[in-house]
Structure formats: C-alpha cells, structure tokens
Amino acid sequence: MSRNNQIGALLAVAAGAILLLTWNTPGAPTDVVLPAGATLAEVADSLSARGVIRGKALFELYARARRADRKIKAGHYEIETNSSWAYTLRRITRGEVVTRPMTIPEGFTLAQMVPRIAEATGLTAEEVEEALARPGLDESLGVPGPGLEGYLFPDTYRFAEGVSVDVLLEA
C-alpha cells in the first residue's frame, strides 16, 4: 500500500471515529456539576463519567480547536446523556445552568417575599432580612422611595442555585 493510500485510510478511520463520537441520539437528562476553576480535562472527565459524552480525549481536542476550553462556565447543569460534543460544549460555554423559578405575586409585601428570596438564595430568612435592610440599598438599586416596599416587580423569575440577594434584587 502506498504512503498516500495509508494516509487516506488513516484519515477515513479518524473521520469515521469522530462521526461515531459526535453524532449521537440523546438519552435521559443527568446532573453534572462543574466546579469553578476546573480544567478542561476535569470537565471532560465529569461529562464522560455521567455519560454525557464519549471519547473524552477527542472531546478535549474538539473543545480546544473551537477555542472553547477557557470559556467553560462553572455551575450545575442538566444535560442529556449521549449528547453531541457541539451541543454539550454550547451549553457549558454559555452557562446554561439549572435554574429554579421564584414567583412574586402582585400585592406581596417585602415580608411576604423574604421566604421566597431565602429559598432562591439559600440564605436564612434572617440573613435575607438583614440584606434587605442595608442602608442605601434602595438608592443603589435606583429606587426613589425610602426602602424597597412596593418597588419589587411581581413576576416569575428564574435563578441559578445560590444566587446572591443583590443579583436577585437587580433582576
């Protein structure tokens, strides 16, 4: 076999392997937690261990080739097992983390909102009350009246786990 034929055969095998590893039929969703500061190898290990991707070494090469290796965002994700590399990489570089809804009904007082804010932030009700009572908080949020009472818009919001009170109030 000539050198050109050997190279052609090797490229065909490599292309076939890549197609098998990247074209998948997604399965059931699974939870994946990517810690802050995780390396691409650690991320690939986590994704592979949870069954999200196959071929973790090739996935790493793919992520580097797409220049996405340094754009991966930490967080709690729910991603289907057997997902394509492109889909998985898009989710973890956009930071499409699991979010939880928090509904503020119209007419709720600040005191009625405290338990919902506490649940969304993972803080105690007392810690939320302290955060809401900080001097100058209303001014920092651009609220014209004294305090926040009556200025938090009733709606359903979606927040990532452990969101801070400040981020929640800005939304």
N, C-alpha and C. Protein backbone atom coordinates (compact mmCIF):
# COMPACT_ATOMS: atom_id res chain seq x y z
N MET A 1 0.86 -1.18 0.00
CA MET A 1 0.00 0.00 0.00
C MET A 1 0.90 1.23 0.00
N SER A 2 0.59 2.18 -0.88
CA SER A 2 1.43 3.38 -0.99
C SER A 2 1.20 4.29 0.22
N ARG A 3 2.13 5.19 0.40
CA ARG A 3 2.06 6.14 1.52
C ARG A 3 0.78 6.98 1.45
N ASN A 4 0.40 7.44 0.26
CA ASN A 4 -0.83 8.24 0.09
C ASN A 4 -2.06 7.43 0.46
N ASN A 5 -2.07 6.14 0.09
CA ASN A 5 -3.21 5.28 0.43
C ASN A 5 -3.28 5.06 1.94
N GLN A 6 -2.13 4.92 2.59
CA GLN A 6 -2.09 4.73 4.04
C GLN A 6 -2.63 5.97 4.75
N ILE A 7 -2.20 7.12 4.28
CA ILE A 7 -2.68 8.39 4.88
C ILE A 7 -4.18 8.53 4.65
N GLY A 8 -4.63 8.21 3.44
CA GLY A 8 -6.07 8.28 3.13
C GLY A 8 -6.88 7.35 4.00
N ALA A 9 -6.39 6.13 4.20
CA ALA A 9 -7.08 5.16 5.04
C ALA A 9 -7.12 5.63 6.49
N LEU A 10 -6.02 6.19 6.97
CA LEU A 10 -5.96 6.69 8.34
C LEU A 10 -6.94 7.85 8.53
N LEU A 11 -7.00 8.74 7.57
CA LEU A 11 -7.94 9.87 7.65
C LEU A 11 -9.39 9.38 7.63
N ALA A 12 -9.66 8.36 6.82
CA ALA A 12 -11.02 7.81 6.76
C ALA A 12 -11.41 7.19 8.09
N VAL A 13 -10.50 6.45 8.71
CA VAL A 13 -10.77 5.84 10.01
C VAL A 13 -10.98 6.93 11.06
N ALA A 14 -10.14 7.95 11.04
CA ALA A 14 -10.27 9.06 12.01
C ALA A 14 -11.59 9.78 11.82
N ALA A 15 -11.97 10.04 10.58
CA ALA A 15 -13.24 10.73 10.30
C ALA A 15 -14.41 9.87 10.77
N GLY A 16 -14.34 8.57 10.53
CA GLY A 16 -15.40 7.67 10.98
C GLY A 16 -15.52 7.65 12.49
N ALA A 17 -14.39 7.63 13.17
CA ALA A 17 -14.39 7.64 14.64
C ALA A 17 -15.00 8.93 15.17
N ILE A 18 -14.64 10.03 14.57
CA ILE A 18 -15.18 11.32 15.01
C ILE A 18 -16.69 11.37 14.78
N LEU A 19 -17.14 10.88 13.63
CA LEU A 19 -18.58 10.86 13.37
C LEU A 19 -19.31 10.00 14.39
N LEU A 20 -18.76 8.84 14.72
CA LEU A 20 -19.40 7.97 15.71
C LEU A 20 -19.45 8.63 17.08
N LEU A 21 -18.45 9.40 17.42
CA LEU A 21 -18.39 10.03 18.73
C LEU A 21 -19.18 11.32 18.82
N THR A 22 -19.47 11.96 17.69
CA THR A 22 -20.15 13.26 17.74
C THR A 22 -21.62 13.19 17.35
N TRP A 23 -22.03 12.22 16.57
CA TRP A 23 -23.44 12.09 16.17
C TRP A 23 -24.11 11.09 17.07
N ASN A 24 -24.88 11.58 18.00
CA ASN A 24 -25.49 10.73 19.00
C ASN A 24 -26.98 10.98 19.07
N THR A 25 -27.69 10.00 19.60
CA THR A 25 -29.09 10.17 19.93
C THR A 25 -29.14 10.44 21.43
N PRO A 26 -29.52 11.66 21.83
CA PRO A 26 -29.51 11.98 23.26
C PRO A 26 -30.41 11.06 24.08
N GLY A 27 -29.99 10.82 25.31
CA GLY A 27 -30.74 9.97 26.23
C GLY A 27 -31.39 10.79 27.33
N ALA A 28 -31.47 10.21 28.50
CA ALA A 28 -32.11 10.86 29.64
C ALA A 28 -31.23 11.97 30.20
N PRO A 29 -31.85 13.03 30.72
CA PRO A 29 -31.06 14.11 31.33
C PRO A 29 -30.36 13.61 32.59
N THR A 30 -29.18 14.14 32.82
CA THR A 30 -28.42 13.81 34.02
C THR A 30 -27.80 15.07 34.58
N ASP A 31 -27.58 15.09 35.89
CA ASP A 31 -26.99 16.25 36.55
C ASP A 31 -25.47 16.19 36.45
N VAL A 32 -24.88 17.32 36.11
CA VAL A 32 -23.43 17.46 36.05
C VAL A 32 -23.07 18.76 36.76
N VAL A 33 -22.17 18.70 37.72
CA VAL A 33 -21.71 19.90 38.41
C VAL A 33 -20.26 20.14 37.99
N LEU A 34 -20.03 21.32 37.41
CA LEU A 34 -18.69 21.72 37.00
C LEU A 34 -18.20 22.76 38.00
N PRO A 35 -17.20 22.42 38.81
CA PRO A 35 -16.73 23.36 39.83
C PRO A 35 -15.93 24.51 39.22
N ALA A 36 -15.94 25.63 39.90
CA ALA A 36 -15.15 26.78 39.47
C ALA A 36 -13.68 26.39 39.43
N GLY A 37 -12.99 26.79 38.39
CA GLY A 37 -11.57 26.53 38.26
C GLY A 37 -11.21 25.16 37.72
N ALA A 38 -12.23 24.38 37.32
CA ALA A 38 -11.95 23.03 36.78
C ALA A 38 -11.24 23.15 35.44
N THR A 39 -10.28 22.27 35.22
CA THR A 39 -9.55 22.23 33.95
C THR A 39 -10.43 21.55 32.90
N LEU A 40 -10.06 21.71 31.64
CA LEU A 40 -10.79 21.05 30.57
C LEU A 40 -10.77 19.53 30.77
N ALA A 41 -9.65 18.98 31.20
CA ALA A 41 -9.56 17.54 31.44
C ALA A 41 -10.53 17.11 32.53
N GLU A 42 -10.65 17.90 33.60
CA GLU A 42 -11.58 17.59 34.68
C GLU A 42 -13.03 17.68 34.21
N VAL A 43 -13.31 18.69 33.39
CA VAL A 43 -14.66 18.84 32.82
C VAL A 43 -14.99 17.64 31.94
N ALA A 44 -14.05 17.26 31.07
CA ALA A 44 -14.26 16.11 30.19
C ALA A 44 -14.46 14.84 31.01
N ASP A 45 -13.70 14.68 32.10
CA ASP A 45 -13.87 13.52 32.98
C ASP A 45 -15.28 13.48 33.57
N SER A 46 -15.74 14.63 34.05
CA SER A 46 -17.08 14.70 34.65
C SER A 46 -18.16 14.37 33.63
N LEU A 47 -18.03 14.96 32.45
CA LEU A 47 -19.02 14.71 31.40
C LEU A 47 -19.02 13.25 30.96
N SER A 48 -17.85 12.67 30.84
CA SER A 48 -17.73 11.28 30.44
C SER A 48 -18.26 10.34 31.52
N ALA A 49 -17.93 10.62 32.77
CA ALA A 49 -18.37 9.78 33.88
C ALA A 49 -19.90 9.76 34.01
N ARG A 50 -20.54 10.87 33.66
CA ARG A 50 -22.01 10.97 33.75
C ARG A 50 -22.68 10.47 32.47
N GLY A 51 -21.88 10.06 31.47
CA GLY A 51 -22.44 9.52 30.24
C GLY A 51 -22.91 10.57 29.25
N VAL A 52 -22.51 11.81 29.47
CA VAL A 52 -22.93 12.89 28.58
C VAL A 52 -22.18 12.81 27.25
N ILE A 53 -20.88 12.56 27.31
CA ILE A 53 -20.06 12.47 26.10
C ILE A 53 -19.31 11.14 26.07
N ARG A 54 -18.85 10.80 24.87
CA ARG A 54 -17.95 9.67 24.69
C ARG A 54 -16.66 10.23 24.11
N GLY A 55 -15.56 9.53 24.31
CA GLY A 55 -14.29 9.96 23.74
C GLY A 55 -13.78 11.24 24.34
N LYS A 56 -13.52 11.22 25.65
CA LYS A 56 -13.16 12.46 26.34
C LYS A 56 -11.88 13.10 25.81
N ALA A 57 -10.90 12.32 25.40
CA ALA A 57 -9.66 12.90 24.87
C ALA A 57 -9.93 13.64 23.56
N LEU A 58 -10.76 13.05 22.71
CA LEU A 58 -11.12 13.72 21.45
C LEU A 58 -12.02 14.93 21.72
N PHE A 59 -12.87 14.83 22.74
CA PHE A 59 -13.70 15.97 23.12
C PHE A 59 -12.82 17.16 23.53
N GLU A 60 -11.76 16.86 24.28
CA GLU A 60 -10.83 17.91 24.69
C GLU A 60 -10.19 18.57 23.47
N LEU A 61 -9.76 17.76 22.50
CA LEU A 61 -9.19 18.32 21.27
C LEU A 61 -10.22 19.17 20.53
N TYR A 62 -11.45 18.68 20.48
CA TYR A 62 -12.54 19.42 19.83
C TYR A 62 -12.76 20.77 20.51
N ALA A 63 -12.81 20.76 21.84
CA ALA A 63 -13.03 22.00 22.59
C ALA A 63 -11.89 22.99 22.36
N ARG A 64 -10.66 22.48 22.34
CA ARG A 64 -9.51 23.36 22.09
C ARG A 64 -9.54 23.91 20.67
N ALA A 65 -9.90 23.06 19.71
CA ALA A 65 -9.97 23.50 18.32
C ALA A 65 -11.03 24.59 18.15
N ARG A 66 -12.09 24.51 18.93
CA ARG A 66 -13.16 25.53 18.88
C ARG A 66 -12.84 26.73 19.76
N ARG A 67 -11.68 26.69 20.40
CA ARG A 67 -11.23 27.75 21.33
C ARG A 67 -12.24 27.99 22.45
N ALA A 68 -12.84 26.91 22.89
CA ALA A 68 -13.86 26.99 23.94
C ALA A 68 -13.33 26.48 25.27
N ASP A 69 -12.11 25.99 25.29
CA ASP A 69 -11.58 25.38 26.51
C ASP A 69 -11.49 26.36 27.68
N ARG A 70 -11.36 27.63 27.41
CA ARG A 70 -11.27 28.63 28.50
C ARG A 70 -12.58 29.40 28.69
N LYS A 71 -13.62 28.99 27.98
CA LYS A 71 -14.91 29.68 28.09
C LYS A 71 -15.94 28.87 28.88
N ILE A 72 -15.52 27.74 29.41
CA ILE A 72 -16.44 26.87 30.14
C ILE A 72 -16.82 27.52 31.46
N LYS A 73 -18.10 27.52 31.75
CA LYS A 73 -18.61 28.17 32.95
C LYS A 73 -18.97 27.12 34.01
N ALA A 74 -18.59 27.42 35.23
CA ALA A 74 -18.91 26.54 36.35
C ALA A 74 -20.41 26.57 36.62
N GLY A 75 -20.90 25.51 37.23
CA GLY A 75 -22.31 25.50 37.62
C GLY A 75 -22.90 24.12 37.61
N HIS A 76 -24.18 24.07 37.93
CA HIS A 76 -24.95 22.83 37.96
C HIS A 76 -25.75 22.76 36.66
N TYR A 77 -25.45 21.74 35.86
CA TYR A 77 -26.09 21.57 34.57
C TYR A 77 -26.95 20.31 34.56
N GLU A 78 -27.96 20.32 33.73
CA GLU A 78 -28.74 19.13 33.43
C GLU A 78 -28.62 18.92 31.93
N ILE A 79 -27.85 17.89 31.54
CA ILE A 79 -27.55 17.65 30.13
C ILE A 79 -27.90 16.19 29.83
N GLU A 80 -28.46 15.96 28.65
CA GLU A 80 -28.84 14.62 28.26
C GLU A 80 -27.61 13.73 28.07
N THR A 81 -27.72 12.48 28.50
CA THR A 81 -26.65 11.53 28.24
C THR A 81 -26.54 11.32 26.74
N ASN A 82 -25.35 10.94 26.31
CA ASN A 82 -25.09 10.64 24.90
C ASN A 82 -25.33 11.87 24.01
N SER A 83 -25.03 13.05 24.52
CA SER A 83 -25.21 14.29 23.75
C SER A 83 -24.04 14.49 22.79
N SER A 84 -24.28 15.28 21.77
CA SER A 84 -23.20 15.59 20.83
C SER A 84 -22.21 16.54 21.49
N TRP A 85 -21.00 16.53 21.00
CA TRP A 85 -19.98 17.42 21.54
C TRP A 85 -20.39 18.88 21.35
N ALA A 86 -20.90 19.20 20.17
CA ALA A 86 -21.27 20.59 19.88
C ALA A 86 -22.35 21.09 20.84
N TYR A 87 -23.36 20.27 21.05
CA TYR A 87 -24.46 20.63 21.96
C TYR A 87 -23.93 20.82 23.38
N THR A 88 -23.15 19.86 23.84
CA THR A 88 -22.61 19.91 25.20
C THR A 88 -21.72 21.13 25.39
N LEU A 89 -20.83 21.36 24.45
CA LEU A 89 -19.91 22.49 24.55
C LEU A 89 -20.67 23.82 24.53
N ARG A 90 -21.70 23.90 23.70
CA ARG A 90 -22.51 25.12 23.63
C ARG A 90 -23.16 25.38 24.99
N ARG A 91 -23.73 24.35 25.62
CA ARG A 91 -24.40 24.52 26.91
C ARG A 91 -23.44 24.99 28.00
N ILE A 92 -22.25 24.37 28.06
CA ILE A 92 -21.34 24.69 29.17
C ILE A 92 -20.53 25.95 28.93
N THR A 93 -20.44 26.44 27.69
CA THR A 93 -19.75 27.71 27.46
C THR A 93 -20.72 28.89 27.54
N ARG A 94 -21.99 28.64 27.36
CA ARG A 94 -23.00 29.69 27.53
C ARG A 94 -23.45 29.80 28.98
N GLY A 95 -23.11 28.80 29.78
CA GLY A 95 -23.52 28.82 31.18
C GLY A 95 -25.00 28.52 31.36
N GLU A 96 -25.54 27.61 30.55
CA GLU A 96 -26.97 27.27 30.62
C GLU A 96 -27.22 26.32 31.79
N VAL A 97 -27.04 26.85 32.98
CA VAL A 97 -27.16 26.08 34.22
C VAL A 97 -28.62 25.85 34.59
N VAL A 98 -28.82 24.93 35.52
CA VAL A 98 -30.15 24.66 36.04
C VAL A 98 -30.63 25.89 36.79
N THR A 99 -31.85 26.31 36.52
CA THR A 99 -32.43 27.45 37.24
C THR A 99 -33.71 27.00 37.93
N ARG A 100 -34.07 27.74 38.94
CA ARG A 100 -35.28 27.46 39.70
C ARG A 100 -36.18 28.70 39.62
N PRO A 101 -37.50 28.47 39.50
CA PRO A 101 -38.40 29.62 39.44
C PRO A 101 -38.66 30.23 40.82
N MET A 102 -38.87 31.54 40.84
CA MET A 102 -39.29 32.24 42.05
C MET A 102 -40.39 33.20 41.62
N THR A 103 -41.58 33.00 42.13
CA THR A 103 -42.71 33.83 41.75
C THR A 103 -43.01 34.83 42.86
N ILE A 104 -43.15 36.08 42.46
CA ILE A 104 -43.57 37.16 43.36
C ILE A 104 -44.96 37.60 42.89
N PRO A 105 -46.01 37.20 43.63
CA PRO A 105 -47.36 37.61 43.24
C PRO A 105 -47.59 39.11 43.46
N GLU A 106 -48.47 39.65 42.68
CA GLU A 106 -48.82 41.07 42.82
C GLU A 106 -49.42 41.29 44.21
N GLY A 107 -49.02 42.38 44.84
CA GLY A 107 -49.53 42.73 46.15
C GLY A 107 -48.74 42.17 47.32
N PHE A 108 -47.74 41.34 47.05
CA PHE A 108 -46.92 40.81 48.14
C PHE A 108 -46.13 41.92 48.79
N THR A 109 -46.07 41.87 50.11
CA THR A 109 -45.22 42.81 50.84
C THR A 109 -43.80 42.25 50.86
N LEU A 110 -42.86 43.09 51.25
CA LEU A 110 -41.47 42.65 51.36
C LEU A 110 -41.36 41.48 52.35
N ALA A 111 -42.10 41.56 53.45
CA ALA A 111 -42.07 40.49 54.46
C ALA A 111 -42.56 39.17 53.87
N GLN A 112 -43.55 39.22 52.98
CA GLN A 112 -44.06 38.00 52.35
C GLN A 112 -43.07 37.44 51.32
N MET A 113 -42.21 38.31 50.78
CA MET A 113 -41.23 37.89 49.78
C MET A 113 -40.00 37.23 50.41
N VAL A 114 -39.72 37.56 51.66
CA VAL A 114 -38.50 37.09 52.32
C VAL A 114 -38.33 35.57 52.24
N PRO A 115 -39.33 34.74 52.56
CA PRO A 115 -39.12 33.29 52.48
C PRO A 115 -38.79 32.82 51.06
N ARG A 116 -39.39 33.42 50.06
CA ARG A 116 -39.12 33.04 48.67
C ARG A 116 -37.70 33.45 48.26
N ILE A 117 -37.29 34.63 48.71
CA ILE A 117 -35.93 35.09 48.41
C ILE A 117 -34.92 34.19 49.13
N ALA A 118 -35.24 33.81 50.36
CA ALA A 118 -34.35 32.94 51.13
C ALA A 118 -34.19 31.59 50.43
N GLU A 119 -35.27 31.04 49.92
CA GLU A 119 -35.21 29.76 49.23
C GLU A 119 -34.36 29.86 47.95
N ALA A 120 -34.53 30.94 47.22
CA ALA A 120 -33.79 31.11 45.96
C ALA A 120 -32.30 31.33 46.20
N THR A 121 -31.96 31.99 47.30
CA THR A 121 -30.56 32.32 47.56
C THR A 121 -29.85 31.30 48.43
N GLY A 122 -30.61 30.46 49.13
CA GLY A 122 -30.01 29.50 50.04
C GLY A 122 -29.63 30.12 51.38
N LEU A 123 -30.10 31.33 51.62
CA LEU A 123 -29.85 32.01 52.89
C LEU A 123 -31.00 31.76 53.84
N THR A 124 -30.80 32.11 55.10
CA THR A 124 -31.90 32.04 56.06
C THR A 124 -32.76 33.29 55.89
N ALA A 125 -33.98 33.23 56.41
CA ALA A 125 -34.87 34.39 56.34
C ALA A 125 -34.24 35.59 57.06
N GLU A 126 -33.55 35.33 58.16
CA GLU A 126 -32.90 36.41 58.91
C GLU A 126 -31.81 37.08 58.08
N GLU A 127 -31.02 36.27 57.37
CA GLU A 127 -29.96 36.83 56.52
C GLU A 127 -30.53 37.66 55.39
N VAL A 128 -31.65 37.21 54.83
CA VAL A 128 -32.30 37.98 53.77
C VAL A 128 -32.84 39.30 54.33
N GLU A 129 -33.46 39.24 55.49
CA GLU A 129 -33.98 40.47 56.12
C GLU A 129 -32.86 41.47 56.36
N GLU A 130 -31.70 40.97 56.84
CA GLU A 130 -30.54 41.85 57.05
C GLU A 130 -30.08 42.47 55.74
N ALA A 131 -30.03 41.66 54.70
CA ALA A 131 -29.59 42.16 53.39
C ALA A 131 -30.55 43.21 52.84
N LEU A 132 -31.84 43.00 53.04
CA LEU A 132 -32.84 43.94 52.55
C LEU A 132 -32.87 45.24 53.36
N ALA A 133 -32.36 45.20 54.60
CA ALA A 133 -32.37 46.37 55.47
C ALA A 133 -31.07 47.17 55.39
N ARG A 134 -30.15 46.78 54.50
CA ARG A 134 -28.88 47.51 54.39
C ARG A 134 -29.12 48.97 54.05
N PRO A 135 -28.45 49.87 54.74
CA PRO A 135 -28.59 51.30 54.44
C PRO A 135 -28.12 51.58 53.00
N GLY A 136 -28.91 52.35 52.29
CA GLY A 136 -28.53 52.76 50.93
C GLY A 136 -28.85 51.75 49.85
N LEU A 137 -29.46 50.61 50.20
CA LEU A 137 -29.77 49.58 49.20
C LEU A 137 -30.76 50.12 48.17
N ASP A 138 -31.77 50.85 48.64
CA ASP A 138 -32.76 51.40 47.70
C ASP A 138 -32.10 52.35 46.70
N GLU A 139 -31.20 53.19 47.17
CA GLU A 139 -30.51 54.12 46.27
C GLU A 139 -29.62 53.38 45.27
N SER A 140 -28.93 52.33 45.73
CA SER A 140 -28.04 51.59 44.84
C SER A 140 -28.83 50.87 43.73
N LEU A 141 -30.11 50.59 44.00
CA LEU A 141 -30.95 49.94 43.00
C LEU A 141 -31.77 50.94 42.19
N GLY A 142 -31.61 52.22 42.48
CA GLY A 142 -32.34 53.25 41.74
C GLY A 142 -33.80 53.38 42.13
N VAL A 143 -34.12 52.96 43.35
CA VAL A 143 -35.49 53.05 43.84
C VAL A 143 -35.69 54.43 44.47
N PRO A 144 -36.70 55.19 44.03
CA PRO A 144 -36.86 56.56 44.51
C PRO A 144 -37.37 56.69 45.95
N GLY A 145 -38.13 55.71 46.43
CA GLY A 145 -38.73 55.84 47.75
C GLY A 145 -37.83 55.33 48.84
N PRO A 146 -38.20 55.61 50.07
CA PRO A 146 -37.43 55.04 51.17
C PRO A 146 -37.73 53.54 51.27
N GLY A 147 -36.72 52.73 51.15
CA GLY A 147 -36.90 51.27 51.22
C GLY A 147 -37.38 50.69 49.89
N LEU A 148 -37.51 49.38 49.87
CA LEU A 148 -37.88 48.67 48.64
C LEU A 148 -39.37 48.33 48.56
N GLU A 149 -40.10 48.55 49.64
CA GLU A 149 -41.52 48.19 49.68
C GLU A 149 -42.27 48.81 48.51
N GLY A 150 -42.94 47.95 47.74
CA GLY A 150 -43.74 48.41 46.62
C GLY A 150 -42.97 48.56 45.32
N TYR A 151 -41.67 48.31 45.34
CA TYR A 151 -40.86 48.51 44.13
C TYR A 151 -40.35 47.22 43.50
N LEU A 152 -40.62 46.07 44.12
CA LEU A 152 -40.19 44.82 43.52
C LEU A 152 -41.30 44.32 42.60
N PHE A 153 -40.99 44.16 41.33
CA PHE A 153 -41.97 43.86 40.31
C PHE A 153 -42.51 42.44 40.44
N PRO A 154 -43.84 42.29 40.47
CA PRO A 154 -44.41 40.94 40.55
C PRO A 154 -44.21 40.21 39.22
N ASP A 155 -43.65 39.00 39.31
CA ASP A 155 -43.37 38.22 38.10
C ASP A 155 -42.80 36.87 38.55
N THR A 156 -42.56 35.99 37.59
CA THR A 156 -41.85 34.75 37.86
C THR A 156 -40.45 34.91 37.29
N TYR A 157 -39.47 34.75 38.14
CA TYR A 157 -38.07 34.89 37.76
C TYR A 157 -37.40 33.52 37.84
N ARG A 158 -36.34 33.33 37.10
CA ARG A 158 -35.57 32.08 37.16
C ARG A 158 -34.14 32.42 37.55
N PHE A 159 -33.66 31.73 38.58
CA PHE A 159 -32.32 31.99 39.10
C PHE A 159 -31.54 30.69 39.24
N ALA A 160 -30.23 30.79 39.05
CA ALA A 160 -29.35 29.66 39.32
C ALA A 160 -29.28 29.45 40.82
N GLU A 161 -28.96 28.24 41.22
CA GLU A 161 -28.84 27.92 42.65
C GLU A 161 -27.81 28.84 43.31
N GLY A 162 -28.14 29.30 44.50
CA GLY A 162 -27.19 30.08 45.29
C GLY A 162 -26.97 31.49 44.78
N VAL A 163 -27.92 32.02 44.02
CA VAL A 163 -27.80 33.39 43.53
C VAL A 163 -27.75 34.34 44.72
N SER A 164 -27.02 35.45 44.57
CA SER A 164 -26.92 36.40 45.68
C SER A 164 -28.17 37.27 45.75
N VAL A 165 -28.43 37.83 46.93
CA VAL A 165 -29.57 38.72 47.11
C VAL A 165 -29.47 39.92 46.16
N ASP A 166 -28.26 40.45 45.99
CA ASP A 166 -28.09 41.62 45.13
C ASP A 166 -28.45 41.31 43.67
N VAL A 167 -28.02 40.16 43.17
CA VAL A 167 -28.36 39.77 41.80
C VAL A 167 -29.86 39.58 41.66
N LEU A 168 -30.46 38.95 42.67
CA LEU A 168 -31.91 38.73 42.66
C LEU A 168 -32.67 40.06 42.64
N LEU A 169 -32.26 41.01 43.47
CA LEU A 169 -32.94 42.30 43.52
C LEU A 169 -32.76 43.10 42.24
N GLU A 170 -31.59 42.99 41.62
CA GLU A 170 -31.36 43.69 40.35
C GLU A 170 -32.27 43.17 39.25
N ALA A 171 -32.57 41.88 39.29
CA ALA A 171 -33.47 41.30 38.29
C ALA A 171 -34.88 41.82 38.50
